[in-house]
N, C-alpha and C. Protein backbone atom coordinates (compact mmCIF):
# COMPACT_ATOMS: atom_id res chain seq x y z
N MET A 1 0.62 -1.11 -0.15
CA MET A 1 -0.04 -0.20 0.19
C MET A 1 0.98 1.49 -0.02
N GLU A 2 1.83 1.15 0.67
CA GLU A 2 2.88 2.17 0.63
C GLU A 2 3.29 2.71 -0.89
N GLU A 3 3.28 1.76 -1.83
CA GLU A 3 3.66 2.25 -3.05
C GLU A 3 2.89 3.01 -3.99
N TYR A 4 1.69 3.10 -3.50
CA TYR A 4 0.55 3.96 -4.24
C TYR A 4 0.49 5.13 -3.80
N LEU A 5 0.98 5.31 -2.27
CA LEU A 5 1.01 6.61 -1.78
C LEU A 5 2.42 7.57 -1.55
N ASN A 6 3.40 6.70 -2.25
CA ASN A 6 4.51 7.27 -2.31
C ASN A 6 4.42 8.93 -2.87
N ILE A 7 5.45 10.04 -2.09
CA ILE A 7 5.35 11.18 -2.44
C ILE A 7 5.85 11.46 -3.85
N LYS A 8 6.69 10.87 -4.43
CA LYS A 8 7.16 11.04 -5.70
C LYS A 8 6.01 10.80 -6.86
N TYR A 9 5.47 9.74 -6.50
CA TYR A 9 4.20 9.73 -7.44
C TYR A 9 2.97 10.85 -7.39
N ILE A 10 2.81 11.16 -6.21
CA ILE A 10 1.80 12.53 -6.25
C ILE A 10 2.35 13.64 -6.51
N THR A 11 3.79 14.00 -6.37
CA THR A 11 4.52 15.15 -6.98
C THR A 11 4.58 14.96 -8.45
N ALA A 12 4.70 13.92 -8.93
CA ALA A 12 4.71 13.60 -10.60
C ALA A 12 3.31 13.93 -11.15
N SER A 13 2.23 13.27 -10.54
CA SER A 13 1.13 13.56 -10.85
C SER A 13 0.65 15.24 -10.99
N ILE A 14 0.97 15.71 -9.87
CA ILE A 14 0.63 17.20 -9.66
C ILE A 14 1.38 18.08 -10.59
N VAL A 15 2.65 17.99 -11.10
CA VAL A 15 3.53 18.61 -11.79
C VAL A 15 2.93 18.28 -13.18
N TYR A 16 2.65 16.98 -13.69
CA TYR A 16 2.17 16.62 -15.01
C TYR A 16 0.85 17.45 -14.83
N SER A 17 0.02 17.35 -14.27
CA SER A 17 -1.30 17.76 -14.37
C SER A 17 -1.20 19.25 -14.49
N LEU A 18 -0.37 20.20 -13.82
CA LEU A 18 -0.15 21.50 -13.90
C LEU A 18 0.45 21.90 -15.19
N LEU A 19 1.24 20.81 -15.96
CA LEU A 19 1.98 20.89 -17.30
C LEU A 19 1.01 21.02 -18.16
N GLY A 20 0.20 19.84 -18.30
CA GLY A 20 -0.68 19.85 -19.20
C GLY A 20 -1.92 21.08 -19.41
N ILE A 21 -2.11 21.59 -18.07
CA ILE A 21 -3.11 22.64 -18.14
C ILE A 21 -2.46 23.55 -18.75
N LEU A 22 -1.32 23.99 -18.46
CA LEU A 22 -0.49 25.45 -18.85
C LEU A 22 -0.24 25.35 -20.47
N ILE A 23 -0.11 23.93 -20.93
CA ILE A 23 0.23 23.68 -22.54
C ILE A 23 -1.14 23.98 -23.11
N LEU A 24 -2.24 23.54 -22.53
CA LEU A 24 -3.53 23.54 -23.05
C LEU A 24 -3.96 25.15 -23.12
N VAL A 25 -3.68 26.06 -22.04
CA VAL A 25 -3.82 27.30 -22.17
C VAL A 25 -2.84 27.94 -23.25
N VAL A 26 -1.87 27.78 -23.47
CA VAL A 26 -0.92 28.20 -24.45
C VAL A 26 -1.58 27.89 -25.92
N ALA A 27 -1.81 26.48 -26.07
CA ALA A 27 -2.42 26.32 -27.22
C ALA A 27 -3.54 27.26 -27.50
N PHE A 28 -4.74 27.27 -26.57
CA PHE A 28 -5.91 28.09 -26.72
C PHE A 28 -5.67 29.62 -27.09
N VAL A 29 -4.53 30.22 -26.41
CA VAL A 29 -4.18 31.73 -26.76
C VAL A 29 -3.44 31.51 -28.19
N VAL A 30 -2.76 30.61 -28.37
CA VAL A 30 -1.98 30.80 -29.87
C VAL A 30 -2.94 30.73 -30.91
N ILE A 31 -4.02 29.86 -30.67
CA ILE A 31 -5.21 29.67 -31.45
C ILE A 31 -6.04 31.10 -31.79
N GLU A 32 -6.23 31.68 -30.34
CA GLU A 32 -6.95 32.70 -30.44
C GLU A 32 -6.03 33.97 -31.15
N LYS A 33 -5.02 33.86 -30.97
CA LYS A 33 -4.00 35.08 -31.91
C LYS A 33 -3.99 34.77 -33.38
N LEU A 34 -4.29 33.47 -33.51
CA LEU A 34 -4.23 33.23 -35.04
C LEU A 34 -5.49 33.39 -35.69
N ALA A 35 -6.49 33.29 -35.16
CA ALA A 35 -7.86 33.44 -35.62
C ALA A 35 -8.01 35.28 -36.14
N PRO A 36 -8.79 35.06 -36.96
CA PRO A 36 -9.05 36.65 -37.51
C PRO A 36 -10.01 37.51 -36.54
N GLU A 37 -10.75 36.86 -35.88
CA GLU A 37 -11.43 37.64 -34.79
C GLU A 37 -11.47 37.26 -33.41
N ASN A 38 -11.62 38.00 -32.39
CA ASN A 38 -11.67 37.62 -31.20
C ASN A 38 -12.65 36.37 -30.60
N LEU A 39 -11.95 34.88 -30.66
CA LEU A 39 -13.02 34.05 -30.40
C LEU A 39 -13.86 34.11 -28.77
N TRP A 40 -12.69 34.51 -27.88
CA TRP A 40 -13.51 34.59 -26.88
C TRP A 40 -14.81 35.33 -26.50
N LYS A 41 -14.48 36.64 -27.32
CA LYS A 41 -15.66 37.48 -27.26
C LYS A 41 -16.85 37.21 -28.19
N LYS A 42 -16.69 36.55 -29.24
CA LYS A 42 -17.93 35.67 -30.00
C LYS A 42 -18.47 34.87 -28.76
N ILE A 43 -17.82 34.19 -28.37
CA ILE A 43 -18.38 33.11 -27.63
C ILE A 43 -19.15 33.83 -26.36
N VAL A 44 -18.36 34.62 -25.53
CA VAL A 44 -18.92 34.98 -24.38
C VAL A 44 -20.24 36.11 -24.79
N ASP A 45 -19.81 37.08 -25.72
CA ASP A 45 -20.71 38.12 -25.82
C ASP A 45 -21.64 37.79 -26.69
N GLU A 46 -21.63 37.32 -27.79
CA GLU A 46 -22.44 36.99 -28.72
C GLU A 46 -23.04 35.88 -28.64
N GLN A 47 -22.80 34.81 -27.88
CA GLN A 47 -23.13 33.68 -27.32
C GLN A 47 -23.13 32.98 -28.59
N ASN A 48 -22.11 32.68 -29.23
CA ASN A 48 -22.05 31.84 -30.63
C ASN A 48 -21.79 30.55 -30.31
N VAL A 49 -22.95 29.53 -30.25
CA VAL A 49 -23.11 28.19 -29.77
C VAL A 49 -21.72 27.37 -30.62
N ALA A 50 -21.81 27.57 -31.84
CA ALA A 50 -21.13 26.60 -32.88
C ALA A 50 -19.63 26.96 -32.55
N LEU A 51 -19.04 28.03 -32.27
CA LEU A 51 -18.09 28.44 -31.99
C LEU A 51 -17.45 28.00 -30.77
N ALA A 52 -18.43 27.92 -29.78
CA ALA A 52 -18.22 27.26 -28.51
C ALA A 52 -18.05 25.62 -28.58
N ILE A 53 -18.94 25.12 -29.42
CA ILE A 53 -18.72 23.81 -29.40
C ILE A 53 -17.29 23.29 -30.24
N MET A 54 -16.96 23.98 -31.12
CA MET A 54 -15.66 24.10 -31.92
C MET A 54 -14.38 24.36 -30.92
N ALA A 55 -14.51 25.46 -29.97
CA ALA A 55 -13.41 25.38 -29.06
C ALA A 55 -13.53 24.66 -28.11
N ALA A 56 -14.65 23.80 -27.63
CA ALA A 56 -14.36 22.57 -26.73
C ALA A 56 -13.76 21.42 -27.51
N GLY A 57 -14.13 21.18 -28.76
CA GLY A 57 -13.58 20.33 -29.48
C GLY A 57 -11.78 20.19 -29.77
N PHE A 58 -11.79 21.56 -29.83
CA PHE A 58 -10.31 21.82 -29.91
C PHE A 58 -9.37 21.50 -28.65
N MET A 59 -10.28 21.86 -27.48
CA MET A 59 -9.51 21.58 -26.26
C MET A 59 -9.50 20.18 -25.79
N LEU A 60 -10.35 19.56 -26.18
CA LEU A 60 -10.75 18.04 -25.74
C LEU A 60 -9.63 17.34 -26.78
N ALA A 61 -9.33 17.77 -28.12
CA ALA A 61 -8.37 17.35 -28.54
C ALA A 61 -6.95 17.39 -28.28
N VAL A 62 -6.70 18.84 -27.97
CA VAL A 62 -5.40 18.89 -27.41
C VAL A 62 -5.03 18.27 -25.95
N ALA A 63 -6.09 18.18 -25.29
CA ALA A 63 -6.08 17.50 -23.74
C ALA A 63 -5.68 15.95 -24.09
N ILE A 64 -6.32 15.26 -24.72
CA ILE A 64 -6.10 14.20 -25.31
C ILE A 64 -4.62 13.75 -25.72
N ILE A 65 -4.13 14.79 -26.82
CA ILE A 65 -2.83 14.80 -27.04
C ILE A 65 -1.63 14.85 -26.09
N ILE A 66 -2.04 15.82 -25.23
CA ILE A 66 -1.18 16.06 -24.04
C ILE A 66 -1.29 14.88 -23.03
N SER A 67 -2.27 14.27 -22.89
CA SER A 67 -2.50 13.14 -21.72
C SER A 67 -1.59 12.09 -22.56
N SER A 68 -1.77 11.78 -23.75
CA SER A 68 -1.18 10.67 -24.16
C SER A 68 0.52 10.92 -24.43
N ALA A 69 0.80 12.08 -24.47
CA ALA A 69 2.29 12.51 -24.40
C ALA A 69 3.02 12.40 -23.13
N ILE A 70 2.07 12.56 -22.10
CA ILE A 70 2.55 12.55 -20.75
C ILE A 70 2.70 10.94 -20.10
N HIS A 71 1.65 10.43 -20.38
CA HIS A 71 1.58 9.10 -20.07
C HIS A 71 2.43 7.88 -20.98
N GLY A 72 2.72 8.49 -22.13
CA GLY A 72 3.64 7.59 -23.18
C GLY A 72 2.85 6.78 -23.81
């Protein structure tokens, strides 16, 4: 049981989680800069549901790629 509660595994999990979140945010900011219009403004102010679904799909895809890269 000690094996599963090792501080090394907990620390690695926290570091990888924070790294994954950081990479996801950076990827969204890059897409935001590349887009011709402000995506966040369109989603929040104009309530563009199609754009929100597209952004969610992008975030899920990047999250899957990040998790696969981290876990090997």
